[in-house]
């Protein structure tokens, strides 16, 4: 399977407008979104061997991305 990024608008396409609204109006949401996108890029670089890392660290990064995604989804649902 080819490597791909996981931007929030592709993860939650049905919430595109809400994501945009929160990004502009909610500083906390904006920070979480930036953290998520930076982490997604870091995972992509690690998996594509641009910045190799060990499996344990990669798994930790993946868990953190899921946690951020859950927090972001909770804010979208409010």
Protein backbone atom coordinates (compact mmCIF):
# COMPACT_ATOMS: atom_id res chain seq x y z
CA UNK A 1 0.00 0.00 0.00
CA UNK A 2 1.44 3.42 -0.90
CA UNK A 3 2.22 5.86 1.87
CA UNK A 4 -0.15 8.76 2.27
CA UNK A 5 -0.79 11.70 4.54
CA UNK A 6 -3.89 11.81 6.69
CA UNK A 7 -5.09 15.44 6.60
CA UNK A 8 -8.15 16.14 8.71
CA UNK A 9 -10.27 17.27 5.79
CA UNK A 10 -9.74 13.83 4.21
CA UNK A 11 -10.24 12.01 7.50
CA UNK A 12 -13.50 13.91 8.14
CA UNK A 13 -14.69 15.09 4.70
CA UNK A 14 -18.26 15.49 5.91
CA UNK A 15 -17.03 18.08 8.45
CA UNK A 16 -14.97 20.21 6.07
CA UNK A 17 -16.92 23.41 6.80
CA UNK A 18 -16.91 22.85 10.56
CA UNK A 19 -13.13 22.21 10.54
CA UNK A 20 -12.57 25.45 8.64
CA UNK A 21 -14.86 27.37 11.00
CA UNK A 22 -13.11 26.04 14.12
CA UNK A 23 -9.65 26.59 12.66
CA UNK A 24 -10.46 30.28 12.28
CA UNK A 25 -12.47 30.86 15.46
CA UNK A 26 -10.97 28.53 18.10
CA UNK A 27 -7.31 28.92 19.06
CA UNK A 28 -7.25 25.61 20.93
CA UNK A 29 -8.65 23.76 17.93
CA UNK A 30 -6.16 25.51 15.66
CA UNK A 31 -3.23 24.38 17.87
CA UNK A 32 -4.53 20.80 17.98
CA UNK A 33 -4.93 20.80 14.21
CA UNK A 34 -1.37 22.10 13.71
CA UNK A 35 -0.04 19.49 16.15
CA UNK A 36 -1.94 16.77 14.27
CA UNK A 37 -0.66 17.90 10.87
CA UNK A 38 2.94 18.17 12.10
CA UNK A 39 2.72 14.71 13.66
CA UNK A 40 1.21 13.29 10.47
CA UNK A 41 4.13 14.72 8.49
CA UNK A 42 6.62 13.27 10.98
CA UNK A 43 5.04 9.82 10.68
CA UNK A 44 5.07 10.07 6.89
CA UNK A 45 8.78 11.02 6.89
CA UNK A 46 9.59 8.13 9.24
CA UNK A 47 7.66 5.58 7.19
CA UNK A 48 9.24 6.76 3.95
CA UNK A 49 12.72 6.53 5.53
CA UNK A 50 13.41 10.24 5.07
CA UNK A 51 13.85 10.39 8.85
CA UNK A 52 14.04 6.75 9.95
CA UNK A 53 13.04 5.81 13.48
CA UNK A 54 12.60 2.62 15.43
CA UNK A 55 9.30 0.73 15.50
CA UNK A 56 8.57 1.62 19.14
CA UNK A 57 8.85 5.33 18.48
CA UNK A 58 6.79 5.04 15.31
CA UNK A 59 4.06 3.25 17.25
CA UNK A 60 4.12 5.99 19.91
CA UNK A 61 3.74 8.62 17.18
CA UNK A 62 0.78 6.71 15.73
CA UNK A 63 -0.91 6.50 19.13
CA UNK A 64 -0.41 10.22 19.68
CA UNK A 65 -1.91 10.96 16.25
CA UNK A 66 -5.00 8.90 17.11
CA UNK A 67 -5.33 10.71 20.45
CA UNK A 68 -5.15 14.09 18.74
CA UNK A 69 -7.64 12.96 16.12
CA UNK A 70 -10.05 11.89 18.89
CA UNK A 71 -9.71 15.26 20.63
CA UNK A 72 -10.27 17.10 17.38
CA UNK A 73 -13.32 14.98 16.52
CA UNK A 74 -14.82 15.69 19.94
CA UNK A 75 -14.47 19.43 19.30
CA UNK A 76 -16.01 19.06 15.84
CA UNK A 77 -19.01 17.29 17.38
CA UNK A 78 -19.69 19.99 19.99
